[in-house]
Amino acid sequence: MSSFKRNQMSGLARGARFAALLLLATPLAGCFQPEFASTGPDGSPLVKELQAIKVDPIPDRVGHYLGNELIFALNGTGQAPEPKYHLLVTVRESVQVPLYNSFGGYAAAATVVLDADYKLLPAGGGAPVVTGTAKSSADYTRSNNRFANIRAARDAEIRNTKVLADQIRTRLAGALAQNTP
């Protein structure tokens, strides 16, 4: 009686497969460059470009949260280099109430939606380097307690600003990576 024994591959055959896989993967090793790869002790050119972005003040409470998140995401060092770019951001907020509790007479849940239009301009003036729109939404549960609703809505706004800051930073890094040597 014979049976197929898949796991009984000779060591030589396993080594040949591994060598072939390694040989095929080696040419691809130079094709990818990490976004924040360091080229020296002072960081990569892209990191320096991101740190040189000055975030202009954004009005309202949500704008304050988003501005702080962007400053931290772009330049978390605490030092302000000479700005090469100015980031202008406009935020729109809306609240959607998809569920309504007819028994209690209040909305059972709500969704905070934030839209942010951003424009990266050279500090010396000129055409925008990149423009775009980022969008984020966060749900929260509502209750009969007014103060709990206010706090839950504010937490949803803060979660949204973190997501928006990450989206904007990623898009700015992509645009600057194309222009950075």
C-alpha atoms as a PDB file:
ATOM      1  CA  MET A   1       0.000   0.000   0.000  1.00  0.00           C
ATOM      2  CA  SER A   2       1.358   3.388  -0.875  1.00  0.00           C
ATOM      3  CA  SER A   3       0.438   6.762   0.495  1.00  0.00           C
ATOM      4  CA  PHE A   4       1.325  10.263  -0.461  1.00  0.00           C
ATOM      5  CA  LYS A   5       3.561  11.774   2.165  1.00  0.00           C
ATOM      6  CA  ARG A   6       3.735  15.446   1.498  1.00  0.00           C
ATOM      7  CA  ASN A   7       5.964  16.361   4.424  1.00  0.00           C
ATOM      8  CA  GLN A   8       8.755  13.999   3.440  1.00  0.00           C
ATOM      9  CA  MET A   9      10.606  16.333   1.110  1.00  0.00           C
ATOM     10  CA  SER A  10      14.314  15.848   1.023  1.00  0.00           C
ATOM     11  CA  GLY A  11      16.514  18.488   2.618  1.00  0.00           C
ATOM     12  CA  LEU A  12      18.128  19.161  -0.733  1.00  0.00           C
ATOM     13  CA  ALA A  13      14.754  19.890  -2.377  1.00  0.00           C
ATOM     14  CA  ARG A  14      13.765  22.206   0.496  1.00  0.00           C
ATOM     15  CA  GLY A  15      17.053  24.058   0.220  1.00  0.00           C
ATOM     16  CA  ALA A  16      16.644  24.397  -3.546  1.00  0.00           C
ATOM     17  CA  ARG A  17      13.155  25.877  -3.123  1.00  0.00           C
ATOM     18  CA  PHE A  18      14.379  28.344  -0.516  1.00  0.00           C
ATOM     19  CA  ALA A  19      17.319  29.375  -2.708  1.00  0.00           C
ATOM     20  CA  ALA A  20      15.022  29.859  -5.711  1.00  0.00           C
ATOM     21  CA  LEU A  21      12.632  31.982  -3.639  1.00  0.00           C
ATOM     22  CA  LEU A  22      15.499  34.068  -2.306  1.00  0.00           C
ATOM     23  CA  LEU A  23      16.910  34.490  -5.808  1.00  0.00           C
ATOM     24  CA  LEU A  24      13.537  35.673  -7.135  1.00  0.00           C
ATOM     25  CA  ALA A  25      12.936  38.102  -4.242  1.00  0.00           C
ATOM     26  CA  THR A  26      16.390  39.722  -4.243  1.00  0.00           C
ATOM     27  CA  PRO A  27      15.814  42.071  -7.231  1.00  0.00           C
ATOM     28  CA  LEU A  28      12.729  43.495  -5.503  1.00  0.00           C
ATOM     29  CA  ALA A  29      14.672  44.486  -2.385  1.00  0.00           C
ATOM     30  CA  GLY A  30      15.760  47.807  -3.879  1.00  0.00           C
ATOM     31  CA  CYS A  31      12.346  48.764  -5.251  1.00  0.00           C
ATOM     32  CA  PHE A  32      10.849  50.027  -2.020  1.00  0.00           C
ATOM     33  CA  GLN A  33      11.911  52.923   0.159  1.00  0.00           C
ATOM     34  CA  PRO A  34      10.335  53.370   3.588  1.00  0.00           C
ATOM     35  CA  GLU A  35       8.575  56.703   3.942  1.00  0.00           C
ATOM     36  CA  PHE A  36      10.503  57.727   7.052  1.00  0.00           C
ATOM     37  CA  ALA A  37      13.795  55.922   6.429  1.00  0.00           C
ATOM     38  CA  SER A  38      16.773  57.690   7.947  1.00  0.00           C
ATOM     39  CA  THR A  39      19.683  58.583   5.734  1.00  0.00           C
ATOM     40  CA  GLY A  40      21.814  59.931   8.542  1.00  0.00           C
ATOM     41  CA  PRO A  41      21.739  60.853  12.202  1.00  0.00           C
ATOM     42  CA  ASP A  42      19.595  63.932  11.537  1.00  0.00           C
ATOM     43  CA  GLY A  43      16.791  62.136   9.667  1.00  0.00           C
ATOM     44  CA  SER A  44      15.617  61.791   6.097  1.00  0.00           C
ATOM     45  CA  PRO A  45      14.827  64.682   3.766  1.00  0.00           C
ATOM     46  CA  LEU A  46      11.094  63.842   3.881  1.00  0.00           C
ATOM     47  CA  VAL A  47      10.977  64.098   7.668  1.00  0.00           C
ATOM     48  CA  LYS A  48      12.665  67.496   7.467  1.00  0.00           C
ATOM     49  CA  GLU A  49      10.166  68.637   4.841  1.00  0.00           C
ATOM     50  CA  LEU A  50       7.238  67.576   7.035  1.00  0.00           C
ATOM     51  CA  GLN A  51       8.764  69.329  10.047  1.00  0.00           C
ATOM     52  CA  ALA A  52       9.059  72.530   8.000  1.00  0.00           C
ATOM     53  CA  ILE A  53       5.267  72.782   7.578  1.00  0.00           C
ATOM     54  CA  LYS A  54       3.654  75.532   9.644  1.00  0.00           C
ATOM     55  CA  VAL A  55       0.027  74.800  10.466  1.00  0.00           C
ATOM     56  CA  ASP A  56      -1.945  78.033  10.330  1.00  0.00           C
ATOM     57  CA  PRO A  57      -4.565  78.507  13.084  1.00  0.00           C
ATOM     58  CA  ILE A  58      -7.865  76.758  12.403  1.00  0.00           C
ATOM     59  CA  PRO A  59     -10.973  78.416  13.898  1.00  0.00           C
ATOM     60  CA  ASP A  60     -13.431  76.804  16.353  1.00  0.00           C
ATOM     61  CA  ARG A  61     -12.976  74.055  18.915  1.00  0.00           C
ATOM     62  CA  VAL A  62     -12.678  71.247  16.370  1.00  0.00           C
ATOM     63  CA  GLY A  63     -10.141  73.325  14.464  1.00  0.00           C
ATOM     64  CA  HIS A  64      -8.112  73.713  17.643  1.00  0.00           C
ATOM     65  CA  TYR A  65      -8.103  69.934  18.174  1.00  0.00           C
ATOM     66  CA  LEU A  66      -7.186  69.292  14.536  1.00  0.00           C
ATOM     67  CA  GLY A  67      -4.450  71.930  14.566  1.00  0.00           C
ATOM     68  CA  ASN A  68      -2.831  70.372  17.631  1.00  0.00           C
ATOM     69  CA  GLU A  69      -3.005  66.886  16.121  1.00  0.00           C
ATOM     70  CA  LEU A  70      -1.461  68.125  12.854  1.00  0.00           C
ATOM     71  CA  ILE A  71       1.366  69.929  14.650  1.00  0.00           C
ATOM     72  CA  PHE A  72       2.155  66.767  16.587  1.00  0.00           C
ATOM     73  CA  ALA A  73       1.852  64.511  13.511  1.00  0.00           C
ATOM     74  CA  LEU A  74       4.049  66.689  11.312  1.00  0.00           C
ATOM     75  CA  ASN A  75       6.629  67.826  13.858  1.00  0.00           C
ATOM     76  CA  GLY A  76       6.533  65.969  17.141  1.00  0.00           C
ATOM     77  CA  THR A  77       9.977  67.226  18.157  1.00  0.00           C
ATOM     78  CA  GLY A  78       8.854  70.368  19.975  1.00  0.00           C
ATOM     79  CA  GLN A  79      11.250  72.489  17.913  1.00  0.00           C
ATOM     80  CA  ALA A  80      10.086  74.785  15.152  1.00  0.00           C
ATOM     81  CA  PRO A  81      12.418  74.916  12.134  1.00  0.00           C
ATOM     82  CA  GLU A  82      12.158  77.689   9.575  1.00  0.00           C
ATOM     83  CA  PRO A  83       8.838  77.047   7.777  1.00  0.00           C
ATOM     84  CA  LYS A  84       9.050  76.180   4.097  1.00  0.00           C
ATOM     85  CA  TYR A  85       5.301  75.632   3.764  1.00  0.00           C
ATOM     86  CA  HIS A  86       2.021  76.872   5.241  1.00  0.00           C
ATOM     87  CA  LEU A  87      -0.865  74.468   5.717  1.00  0.00           C
ATOM     88  CA  LEU A  88      -4.311  76.046   5.448  1.00  0.00           C
ATOM     89  CA  VAL A  89      -7.184  73.901   6.715  1.00  0.00           C
ATOM     90  CA  THR A  90     -10.932  74.539   6.732  1.00  0.00           C
ATOM     91  CA  VAL A  91     -13.120  72.192   8.783  1.00  0.00           C
ATOM     92  CA  ARG A  92     -16.848  71.531   8.436  1.00  0.00           C
ATOM     93  CA  GLU A  93     -18.730  69.562  11.072  1.00  0.00           C
ATOM     94  CA  SER A  94     -22.129  67.923  10.877  1.00  0.00           C
ATOM     95  CA  VAL A  95     -24.042  65.612  13.196  1.00  0.00           C
ATOM     96  CA  GLN A  96     -26.264  62.890  11.799  1.00  0.00           C
ATOM     97  CA  VAL A  97     -28.862  61.109  13.928  1.00  0.00           C
ATOM     98  CA  PRO A  98     -29.665  57.771  12.293  1.00  0.00           C
ATOM     99  CA  LEU A  99     -31.570  56.208  15.229  1.00  0.00           C
ATOM    100  CA  TYR A 100     -34.420  57.715  17.210  1.00  0.00           C
ATOM    101  CA  ASN A 101     -35.854  56.133  20.343  1.00  0.00           C
ATOM    102  CA  SER A 102     -39.582  56.826  20.140  1.00  0.00           C
ATOM    103  CA  PHE A 103     -40.200  55.411  23.620  1.00  0.00           C
ATOM    104  CA  GLY A 104     -37.767  57.738  25.382  1.00  0.00           C
ATOM    105  CA  GLY A 105     -38.090  60.606  22.950  1.00  0.00           C
ATOM    106  CA  TYR A 106     -34.378  61.021  22.263  1.00  0.00           C
ATOM    107  CA  ALA A 107     -31.860  60.013  19.655  1.00  0.00           C
ATOM    108  CA  ALA A 108     -30.191  56.743  20.662  1.00  0.00           C
ATOM    109  CA  ALA A 109     -27.032  57.359  18.653  1.00  0.00           C
ATOM    110  CA  ALA A 110     -25.398  60.028  16.569  1.00  0.00           C
ATOM    111  CA  THR A 111     -22.558  60.348  14.101  1.00  0.00           C
ATOM    112  CA  VAL A 112     -20.154  63.278  14.021  1.00  0.00           C
ATOM    113  CA  VAL A 113     -18.859  63.868  10.483  1.00  0.00           C
ATOM    114  CA  LEU A 114     -15.856  66.109   9.837  1.00  0.00           C
ATOM    115  CA  ASP A 115     -14.717  67.317   6.416  1.00  0.00           C
ATOM    116  CA  ALA A 116     -11.364  69.072   6.158  1.00  0.00           C
ATOM    117  CA  ASP A 117     -10.235  70.932   3.048  1.00  0.00           C
ATOM    118  CA  TYR A 118      -6.485  71.480   3.136  1.00  0.00           C
ATOM    119  CA  LYS A 119      -4.021  73.385   1.006  1.00  0.00           C
ATOM    120  CA  LEU A 120      -0.223  73.283   1.312  1.00  0.00           C
ATOM    121  CA  LEU A 121       1.364  76.505   0.088  1.00  0.00           C
ATOM    122  CA  PRO A 122       5.056  77.403  -0.228  1.00  0.00           C
ATOM    123  CA  ALA A 123       6.094  79.921   2.449  1.00  0.00           C
ATOM    124  CA  GLY A 124       7.356  82.342  -0.198  1.00  0.00           C
ATOM    125  CA  GLY A 125       4.065  82.245  -2.081  1.00  0.00           C
ATOM    126  CA  GLY A 126       3.174  80.553  -5.314  1.00  0.00           C
ATOM    127  CA  ALA A 127       0.985  77.729  -6.498  1.00  0.00           C
ATOM    128  CA  PRO A 128      -0.232  75.159  -3.965  1.00  0.00           C
ATOM    129  CA  VAL A 129       1.951  72.079  -3.593  1.00  0.00           C
ATOM    130  CA  VAL A 130      -1.070  69.917  -2.824  1.00  0.00           C
ATOM    131  CA  THR A 131      -4.766  70.417  -2.114  1.00  0.00           C
ATOM    132  CA  GLY A 132      -7.359  67.931  -1.031  1.00  0.00           C
ATOM    133  CA  THR A 133     -10.203  66.929   1.221  1.00  0.00           C
ATOM    134  CA  ALA A 134     -10.140  64.476   4.097  1.00  0.00           C
ATOM    135  CA  LYS A 135     -13.248  63.055   5.719  1.00  0.00           C
ATOM    136  CA  SER A 136     -13.874  61.164   8.926  1.00  0.00           C
ATOM    137  CA  SER A 137     -16.895  60.069  10.932  1.00  0.00           C
ATOM    138  CA  ALA A 138     -17.289  58.718  14.449  1.00  0.00           C
ATOM    139  CA  ASP A 139     -20.361  57.342  16.171  1.00  0.00           C
ATOM    140  CA  TYR A 140     -21.383  57.806  19.759  1.00  0.00           C
ATOM    141  CA  THR A 141     -24.251  56.628  21.921  1.00  0.00           C
ATOM    142  CA  ARG A 142     -26.638  59.188  23.352  1.00  0.00           C
ATOM    143  CA  SER A 143     -28.594  58.976  26.584  1.00  0.00           C
ATOM    144  CA  ASN A 144     -30.990  61.017  28.712  1.00  0.00           C
ATOM    145  CA  ASN A 145     -28.069  62.724  30.435  1.00  0.00           C
ATOM    146  CA  ARG A 146     -27.289  65.994  28.680  1.00  0.00           C
ATOM    147  CA  PHE A 147     -23.725  66.253  29.994  1.00  0.00           C
ATOM    148  CA  ALA A 148     -22.912  62.683  28.990  1.00  0.00           C
ATOM    149  CA  ASN A 149     -24.118  63.503  25.474  1.00  0.00           C
ATOM    150  CA  ILE A 150     -21.903  66.582  25.295  1.00  0.00           C
ATOM    151  CA  ARG A 151     -18.859  64.637  26.493  1.00  0.00           C
ATOM    152  CA  ALA A 152     -19.551  61.733  24.112  1.00  0.00           C
ATOM    153  CA  ALA A 153     -19.903  64.144  21.173  1.00  0.00           C
ATOM    154  CA  ARG A 154     -16.641  65.860  22.113  1.00  0.00           C
ATOM    155  CA  ASP A 155     -14.857  62.495  22.343  1.00  0.00           C
ATOM    156  CA  ALA A 156     -16.168  61.642  18.863  1.00  0.00           C
ATOM    157  CA  GLU A 157     -14.817  64.976  17.577  1.00  0.00           C
ATOM    158  CA  ILE A 158     -11.409  64.252  19.096  1.00  0.00           C
ATOM    159  CA  ARG A 159     -11.336  60.761  17.540  1.00  0.00           C
ATOM    160  CA  ASN A 160     -12.227  62.317  14.186  1.00  0.00           C
ATOM    161  CA  THR A 161      -9.461  64.906  14.406  1.00  0.00           C
ATOM    162  CA  LYS A 162      -6.872  62.191  15.053  1.00  0.00           C
ATOM    163  CA  VAL A 163      -8.026  60.327  11.933  1.00  0.00           C
ATOM    164  CA  LEU A 164      -8.092  63.520   9.843  1.00  0.00           C
ATOM    165  CA  ALA A 165      -4.598  64.517  10.987  1.00  0.00           C
ATOM    166  CA  ASP A 166      -3.279  61.088  10.024  1.00  0.00           C
ATOM    167  CA  GLN A 167      -4.961  61.241   6.604  1.00  0.00           C
ATOM    168  CA  ILE A 168      -3.643  64.738   5.898  1.00  0.00           C
ATOM    169  CA  ARG A 169      -0.107  63.883   7.081  1.00  0.00           C
ATOM    170  CA  THR A 170      -0.024  60.802   4.869  1.00  0.00           C
ATOM    171  CA  ARG A 171      -1.211  62.737   1.814  1.00  0.00           C
ATOM    172  CA  LEU A 172       1.249  65.563   2.461  1.00  0.00           C
ATOM    173  CA  ALA A 173       4.080  63.050   2.840  1.00  0.00           C
ATOM    174  CA  GLY A 174       3.115  61.427  -0.457  1.00  0.00           C
ATOM    175  CA  ALA A 175       3.067  64.766  -2.269  1.00  0.00           C
ATOM    176  CA  LEU A 176       6.358  65.920  -0.742  1.00  0.00           C
ATOM    177  CA  ALA A 177       8.026  62.552  -1.405  1.00  0.00           C
ATOM    178  CA  GLN A 178       7.543  63.117  -5.126  1.00  0.00           C
ATOM    179  CA  ASN A 179       9.310  66.491  -4.880  1.00  0.00           C
ATOM    180  CA  THR A 180      12.044  65.534  -2.383  1.00  0.00           C
ATOM    181  CA  PRO A 181      15.399  64.302  -3.736  1.00  0.00           C
END
